[in-house]
Amino acid sequence: MLRNKVPEVTAIFWITKVLTTAMGETTSDFLVHQIDPPVAVAIGFVVFAASLVLQFAVKRYLPWVYWFAVVMVSVFGTMVADVIHVQFGVPYAVSTSCFLVALAAIFALWYATQKTLSIHSINTRAREMFYWAAVLVTFALGTAAGDLTATTFHLGYLASGILFAVIITIPALGFRFWGWNAVFSFWFAYIITRPLGASFSDWLGLPPERGGVGFGTGLVSAVLTVAIIVCVAIMARDHNRASRVPALAVNAQAE
């Protein structure tokens, strides 16, 4: 039995999650336009795999390790969705549907074997594997869904971002006021964070002729990376403080 290896779901968790989705989108775009796309994808896969190996190797939740893995899932998940569309010509409507089916299959198998989808019970190796498989597919699904609304449906990146900002309030309101299941509400919101962050980062980073503001994907990625580092540092500080409290309590009782 492992210690639970995911963070508490707090406001800063959601802020950081959206930042990672945005950063993954622009970083992927930046890399594939700066170096040969197959090389960029290969590098993305290697670093992604290394981040997961590190996450699986640690015995408890470590903020830096966990969020490094999330960032790399974001970058590589974006690459997967983009390669399927750009290199293989699969329409976003088809890839979105396929990723949705894949995510449903992961959840179904996860629940059938573990009897829970709660992130508060990621305390076995099997549950940890299901969790990261679901996380990866949510990133790919969200990337395809965001591009579907922005390009295929011609909403543009800003309108898509606003649309997903409205949609993400649905599980929040459902859980807070309508008695929705906490696990369902969490995963609903978790999936939507991807197209939400990606749409706004595309809007900021892409040139005007592609519907963006034109700040550049490199600059946007750099700013988002700094913001993520600050958020993770805050979470690491809070986690260390929380970890010291039980130890202090035990020492006080011993005295």
Foldseek 3Di string as FASTA:
>chain_A
DFAQADDDDDPLVLVLLLLLLLLLQLVLVVQVVVDPNVVSLVVLVVQLVVLVVVSVPDRHHALVSVSSNLSSLSNNLLSVLVCCCPVVVDALVVQLVVLVVVLVVLVVVCCVVPVDLDSNPCGDPVNVVSVVVNSSSLSNNLSSVLCCCVPVVVCNLVSSLVVLVVVLVVLVCCVPPVVDDPSVSVVSNSSSSNSNSNSLSCQDAPDVVRRHPHPHSVVSSVVSVVVSVVSSVVVNVVVVVVVVVVVVVVVVVVD
